Amino acid sequence: MNSILSIDDDGIIRTIVEEAFDYERQDKILIQIRATDTLQVSPEDSLNTAFAQLTINVLDVNDETPVIRMVLELLLKNVYRYIDI
């Protein structure tokens, strides 16, 4: 399974890849977490399992360079106006 998160033994959740979340693609991430203990005194003992849902609200940050096309077009029109062709 391809995962973008890891959980260490202390329960700290980290992203594995850079820029794992992107607000423009998805503003909320829901993750199902399963924890299972490994303490078995005898082979007949069943392992305890618990589930929890983690919700990550992704914030919108200015991560893309703004492009101002209108100013560039006006500048080019003014440049061409002063060039004799």
C-alpha atoms as a PDB file:
ATOM      1  CA  MET A   1       0.000   0.000   0.000  1.00  0.00           C
ATOM      2  CA  ASN A   2       1.317   3.487  -0.850  1.00  0.00           C
ATOM      3  CA  SER A   3       1.220   5.623   2.267  1.00  0.00           C
ATOM      4  CA  ILE A   4       2.022   9.273   2.834  1.00  0.00           C
ATOM      5  CA  LEU A   5       2.029   8.956   6.634  1.00  0.00           C
ATOM      6  CA  SER A   6       3.940   6.985   9.226  1.00  0.00           C
ATOM      7  CA  ILE A   7       3.271   6.466  12.927  1.00  0.00           C
ATOM      8  CA  ASP A   8       6.259   5.774  15.174  1.00  0.00           C
ATOM      9  CA  ASP A   9       6.292   3.747  18.399  1.00  0.00           C
ATOM     10  CA  ASP A  10       5.507   6.880  20.438  1.00  0.00           C
ATOM     11  CA  GLY A  11       2.375   7.548  18.378  1.00  0.00           C
ATOM     12  CA  ILE A  12       3.774  10.545  16.503  1.00  0.00           C
ATOM     13  CA  ILE A  13       2.345  10.859  12.981  1.00  0.00           C
ATOM     14  CA  ARG A  14       4.620  12.233  10.261  1.00  0.00           C
ATOM     15  CA  THR A  15       4.359  12.729   6.518  1.00  0.00           C
ATOM     16  CA  ILE A  16       6.696  10.540   4.460  1.00  0.00           C
ATOM     17  CA  VAL A  17       6.694  12.651   1.298  1.00  0.00           C
ATOM     18  CA  GLU A  18       7.183  16.383   0.803  1.00  0.00           C
ATOM     19  CA  GLU A  19       4.008  18.380   0.153  1.00  0.00           C
ATOM     20  CA  ALA A  20       1.809  15.402   1.027  1.00  0.00           C
ATOM     21  CA  PHE A  21      -1.312  17.570   1.326  1.00  0.00           C
ATOM     22  CA  ASP A  22      -2.539  20.210  -1.100  1.00  0.00           C
ATOM     23  CA  TYR A  23      -5.543  22.396  -0.255  1.00  0.00           C
ATOM     24  CA  GLU A  24      -6.399  22.843  -3.937  1.00  0.00           C
ATOM     25  CA  ARG A  25      -6.800  19.057  -4.304  1.00  0.00           C
ATOM     26  CA  GLN A  26      -8.391  18.203  -0.945  1.00  0.00           C
ATOM     27  CA  ASP A  27      -9.130  20.417   2.056  1.00  0.00           C
ATOM     28  CA  LYS A  28      -9.867  17.609   4.523  1.00  0.00           C
ATOM     29  CA  ILE A  29      -8.180  14.229   5.028  1.00  0.00           C
ATOM     30  CA  LEU A  30      -9.882  11.396   6.955  1.00  0.00           C
ATOM     31  CA  ILE A  31      -7.640   8.591   8.187  1.00  0.00           C
ATOM     32  CA  GLN A  32      -8.674   5.368   9.909  1.00  0.00           C
ATOM     33  CA  ILE A  33      -6.093   4.246  12.503  1.00  0.00           C
ATOM     34  CA  ARG A  34      -5.918   0.734  13.930  1.00  0.00           C
ATOM     35  CA  ALA A  35      -3.883  -0.120  17.025  1.00  0.00           C
ATOM     36  CA  THR A  36      -3.272  -3.732  18.041  1.00  0.00           C
ATOM     37  CA  ASP A  37      -1.426  -4.849  21.146  1.00  0.00           C
ATOM     38  CA  THR A  38       1.156  -7.607  20.974  1.00  0.00           C
ATOM     39  CA  LEU A  39       0.901  -8.878  24.532  1.00  0.00           C
ATOM     40  CA  GLN A  40      -0.104 -12.522  24.450  1.00  0.00           C
ATOM     41  CA  VAL A  41       0.479 -14.575  27.592  1.00  0.00           C
ATOM     42  CA  SER A  42      -0.657 -17.772  25.925  1.00  0.00           C
ATOM     43  CA  PRO A  43      -1.474 -18.707  22.312  1.00  0.00           C
ATOM     44  CA  GLU A  44      -5.184 -18.818  23.196  1.00  0.00           C
ATOM     45  CA  ASP A  45      -5.227 -15.126  24.156  1.00  0.00           C
ATOM     46  CA  SER A  46      -6.688 -12.840  21.532  1.00  0.00           C
ATOM     47  CA  LEU A  47      -5.047  -9.544  20.678  1.00  0.00           C
ATOM     48  CA  ASN A  48      -6.844  -6.341  21.609  1.00  0.00           C
ATOM     49  CA  THR A  49      -7.568  -3.984  18.726  1.00  0.00           C
ATOM     50  CA  ALA A  50      -8.858  -0.416  18.788  1.00  0.00           C
ATOM     51  CA  PHE A  51      -9.803   1.959  15.977  1.00  0.00           C
ATOM     52  CA  ALA A  52      -9.813   5.752  15.799  1.00  0.00           C
ATOM     53  CA  GLN A  53     -10.514   8.264  13.049  1.00  0.00           C
ATOM     54  CA  LEU A  54      -8.075  11.117  12.494  1.00  0.00           C
ATOM     55  CA  THR A  55      -9.293  14.244  10.676  1.00  0.00           C
ATOM     56  CA  ILE A  56      -6.706  16.574   9.173  1.00  0.00           C
ATOM     57  CA  ASN A  57      -7.967  19.989   8.056  1.00  0.00           C
ATOM     58  CA  VAL A  58      -5.604  21.250   5.366  1.00  0.00           C
ATOM     59  CA  LEU A  59      -5.010  25.008   5.440  1.00  0.00           C
ATOM     60  CA  ASP A  60      -4.832  27.127   2.312  1.00  0.00           C
ATOM     61  CA  VAL A  61      -1.390  28.696   2.038  1.00  0.00           C
ATOM     62  CA  ASN A  62       0.099  30.743  -0.762  1.00  0.00           C
ATOM     63  CA  ASP A  63       2.257  27.972  -2.224  1.00  0.00           C
ATOM     64  CA  GLU A  64       2.119  29.077  -5.856  1.00  0.00           C
ATOM     65  CA  THR A  65       3.882  32.044  -7.396  1.00  0.00           C
ATOM     66  CA  PRO A  66       1.321  34.634  -8.452  1.00  0.00           C
ATOM     67  CA  VAL A  67       1.131  35.489 -12.136  1.00  0.00           C
ATOM     68  CA  ILE A  68       0.031  38.945 -13.200  1.00  0.00           C
ATOM     69  CA  ARG A  69      -0.719  38.692 -16.902  1.00  0.00           C
ATOM     70  CA  MET A  70      -2.593  41.948 -17.339  1.00  0.00           C
ATOM     71  CA  VAL A  71       0.339  44.137 -16.322  1.00  0.00           C
ATOM     72  CA  LEU A  72       2.688  42.208 -18.619  1.00  0.00           C
ATOM     73  CA  GLU A  73       0.323  42.577 -21.568  1.00  0.00           C
ATOM     74  CA  LEU A  74      -0.018  46.332 -20.982  1.00  0.00           C
ATOM     75  CA  LEU A  75       3.749  46.689 -20.738  1.00  0.00           C
ATOM     76  CA  LEU A  76       4.256  44.818 -24.018  1.00  0.00           C
ATOM     77  CA  LYS A  77       1.621  46.925 -25.786  1.00  0.00           C
ATOM     78  CA  ASN A  78       3.398  50.101 -24.656  1.00  0.00           C
ATOM     79  CA  VAL A  79       6.773  48.777 -25.821  1.00  0.00           C
ATOM     80  CA  TYR A  80       5.410  47.925 -29.290  1.00  0.00           C
ATOM     81  CA  ARG A  81       3.849  51.367 -29.527  1.00  0.00           C
ATOM     82  CA  TYR A  82       7.308  52.983 -29.459  1.00  0.00           C
ATOM     83  CA  ILE A  83       8.989  50.634 -31.913  1.00  0.00           C
ATOM     84  CA  ASP A  84       8.910  51.501 -35.601  1.00  0.00           C
ATOM     85  CA  ILE A  85       8.368  48.371 -37.626  1.00  0.00           C
END
